[in-house]
Amino acid sequence: MRVALPLSLLALGLAGCSAADIVTLPVKAASTAVGAAGSAVDAVTTSQAEADQKLGRKIRKQEECMGREQKKARKHDREPDYSKCERD
C-alpha cells in the first residue's frame, strides 16, 4: 500500500507525458541545474555591452545636467557652474 500510493500519484502527474518526455526528464533537470549555475555567474558579471550602456547613460545624464546649468546661468546672467554635474 505504501508503494502503491506514490506510484499512483506519479502516474496521475505524468498522465499527459509521452515516453520520450519521461526519458528526457533527467537530462532536462540536469541542464536546468547547470543553467541556474550559469545564470548566477551572469548575474554577478557585467558584459562589455552592459558596461557601454552604463557609461553612455552616465555621460548623457551629465550632458543633460550641463545643459540645464547653462540655461540657468544664462537666465541669471552668470557663468555656469559645472561642478554640480560632476559624478563618480
C-alpha atoms as a PDB file:
ATOM      1  CA  MET A   1       0.000   0.000   0.000  1.00  0.00           C
ATOM      2  CA  ARG A   2       2.843   2.384   0.820  1.00  0.00           C
ATOM      3  CA  VAL A   3       4.371   1.907  -2.622  1.00  0.00           C
ATOM      4  CA  ALA A   4       1.071   1.917  -4.499  1.00  0.00           C
ATOM      5  CA  LEU A   5       0.015   5.398  -3.371  1.00  0.00           C
ATOM      6  CA  PRO A   6       3.183   7.250  -4.512  1.00  0.00           C
ATOM      7  CA  LEU A   7       3.160   5.302  -7.785  1.00  0.00           C
ATOM      8  CA  SER A   8      -0.467   6.176  -8.436  1.00  0.00           C
ATOM      9  CA  LEU A   9       0.240   9.846  -7.711  1.00  0.00           C
ATOM     10  CA  LEU A  10       3.221   9.701 -10.049  1.00  0.00           C
ATOM     11  CA  ALA A  11       1.055   8.113 -12.740  1.00  0.00           C
ATOM     12  CA  LEU A  12      -1.538  10.886 -12.364  1.00  0.00           C
ATOM     13  CA  GLY A  13       1.161  13.553 -12.563  1.00  0.00           C
ATOM     14  CA  LEU A  14       2.668  12.024 -15.702  1.00  0.00           C
ATOM     15  CA  ALA A  15      -0.631  11.230 -17.429  1.00  0.00           C
ATOM     16  CA  GLY A  16      -0.076  13.816 -20.178  1.00  0.00           C
ATOM     17  CA  CYS A  17       3.569  12.918 -20.755  1.00  0.00           C
ATOM     18  CA  SER A  18       4.824  10.707 -23.527  1.00  0.00           C
ATOM     19  CA  ALA A  19       7.535   8.123 -23.050  1.00  0.00           C
ATOM     20  CA  ALA A  20      10.051  10.488 -24.678  1.00  0.00           C
ATOM     21  CA  ASP A  21       9.211  13.190 -22.132  1.00  0.00           C
ATOM     22  CA  ILE A  22       9.773  10.795 -19.257  1.00  0.00           C
ATOM     23  CA  VAL A  23      13.085   9.566 -20.674  1.00  0.00           C
ATOM     24  CA  THR A  24      14.426  13.114 -21.260  1.00  0.00           C
ATOM     25  CA  LEU A  25      13.245  14.409 -17.879  1.00  0.00           C
ATOM     26  CA  PRO A  26      16.549  13.678 -16.041  1.00  0.00           C
ATOM     27  CA  VAL A  27      18.537  15.359 -18.824  1.00  0.00           C
ATOM     28  CA  LYS A  28      16.313  18.449 -18.739  1.00  0.00           C
ATOM     29  CA  ALA A  29      16.593  18.620 -14.944  1.00  0.00           C
ATOM     30  CA  ALA A  30      20.384  18.427 -15.121  1.00  0.00           C
ATOM     31  CA  SER A  31      20.596  21.127 -17.788  1.00  0.00           C
ATOM     32  CA  THR A  32      18.322  23.348 -15.702  1.00  0.00           C
ATOM     33  CA  ALA A  33      20.694  22.955 -12.754  1.00  0.00           C
ATOM     34  CA  VAL A  34      23.659  23.852 -14.951  1.00  0.00           C
ATOM     35  CA  GLY A  35      21.697  26.776 -16.424  1.00  0.00           C
ATOM     36  CA  ALA A  36      20.918  28.045 -12.933  1.00  0.00           C
ATOM     37  CA  ALA A  37      24.607  27.999 -12.016  1.00  0.00           C
ATOM     38  CA  GLY A  38      25.470  29.799 -15.255  1.00  0.00           C
ATOM     39  CA  SER A  39      22.822  32.446 -14.669  1.00  0.00           C
ATOM     40  CA  ALA A  40      24.207  33.012 -11.170  1.00  0.00           C
ATOM     41  CA  VAL A  41      27.582  33.785 -12.728  1.00  0.00           C
ATOM     42  CA  ASP A  42      25.904  36.049 -15.293  1.00  0.00           C
ATOM     43  CA  ALA A  43      24.138  37.917 -12.509  1.00  0.00           C
ATOM     44  CA  VAL A  44      27.406  38.985 -10.895  1.00  0.00           C
ATOM     45  CA  THR A  45      29.368  39.746 -14.059  1.00  0.00           C
ATOM     46  CA  THR A  46      28.942  42.680 -16.407  1.00  0.00           C
ATOM     47  CA  SER A  47      29.254  42.221 -20.141  1.00  0.00           C
ATOM     48  CA  GLN A  48      31.014  44.777 -22.309  1.00  0.00           C
ATOM     49  CA  ALA A  49      27.664  45.818 -23.820  1.00  0.00           C
ATOM     50  CA  GLU A  50      26.193  46.425 -20.360  1.00  0.00           C
ATOM     51  CA  ALA A  51      29.260  48.428 -19.327  1.00  0.00           C
ATOM     52  CA  ASP A  52      28.977  50.522 -22.508  1.00  0.00           C
ATOM     53  CA  GLN A  53      25.282  51.168 -21.875  1.00  0.00           C
ATOM     54  CA  LYS A  54      26.004  52.219 -18.308  1.00  0.00           C
ATOM     55  CA  LEU A  55      28.774  54.590 -19.399  1.00  0.00           C
ATOM     56  CA  GLY A  56      26.577  56.056 -22.156  1.00  0.00           C
ATOM     57  CA  ARG A  57      23.759  56.631 -19.651  1.00  0.00           C
ATOM     58  CA  LYS A  58      26.162  58.352 -17.250  1.00  0.00           C
ATOM     59  CA  ILE A  59      27.529  60.639 -19.989  1.00  0.00           C
ATOM     60  CA  ARG A  60      24.003  61.506 -21.198  1.00  0.00           C
ATOM     61  CA  LYS A  61      22.900  62.440 -17.685  1.00  0.00           C
ATOM     62  CA  GLN A  62      25.991  64.578 -17.190  1.00  0.00           C
ATOM     63  CA  GLU A  63      25.424  66.367 -20.512  1.00  0.00           C
ATOM     64  CA  GLU A  64      21.767  66.983 -19.605  1.00  0.00           C
ATOM     65  CA  CYS A  65      22.863  68.452 -16.284  1.00  0.00           C
ATOM     66  CA  MET A  66      25.394  70.685 -18.020  1.00  0.00           C
ATOM     67  CA  GLY A  67      22.703  71.907 -20.426  1.00  0.00           C
ATOM     68  CA  ARG A  68      20.365  72.758 -17.550  1.00  0.00           C
ATOM     69  CA  GLU A  69      23.195  74.560 -15.751  1.00  0.00           C
ATOM     70  CA  GLN A  70      23.964  76.552 -18.906  1.00  0.00           C
ATOM     71  CA  LYS A  71      20.323  77.656 -19.197  1.00  0.00           C
ATOM     72  CA  LYS A  72      20.207  78.666 -15.520  1.00  0.00           C
ATOM     73  CA  ALA A  73      23.468  80.585 -15.865  1.00  0.00           C
ATOM     74  CA  ARG A  74      22.187  82.467 -18.939  1.00  0.00           C
ATOM     75  CA  LYS A  75      18.911  83.250 -17.164  1.00  0.00           C
ATOM     76  CA  HIS A  76      20.710  84.657 -14.103  1.00  0.00           C
ATOM     77  CA  ASP A  77      23.490  86.286 -16.167  1.00  0.00           C
ATOM     78  CA  ARG A  78      26.355  84.358 -14.635  1.00  0.00           C
ATOM     79  CA  GLU A  79      28.968  81.778 -15.581  1.00  0.00           C
ATOM     80  CA  PRO A  80      27.788  78.147 -15.470  1.00  0.00           C
ATOM     81  CA  ASP A  81      28.987  76.070 -12.505  1.00  0.00           C
ATOM     82  CA  TYR A  82      29.589  72.627 -13.983  1.00  0.00           C
ATOM     83  CA  SER A  83      30.926  71.228 -10.713  1.00  0.00           C
ATOM     84  CA  LYS A  84      27.310  70.468  -9.785  1.00  0.00           C
ATOM     85  CA  CYS A  85      27.192  67.993 -12.676  1.00  0.00           C
ATOM     86  CA  GLU A  86      30.347  66.006 -11.911  1.00  0.00           C
ATOM     87  CA  ARG A  87      29.702  62.494 -10.687  1.00  0.00           C
ATOM     88  CA  ASP A  88      31.864  59.482  -9.930  1.00  0.00           C
END
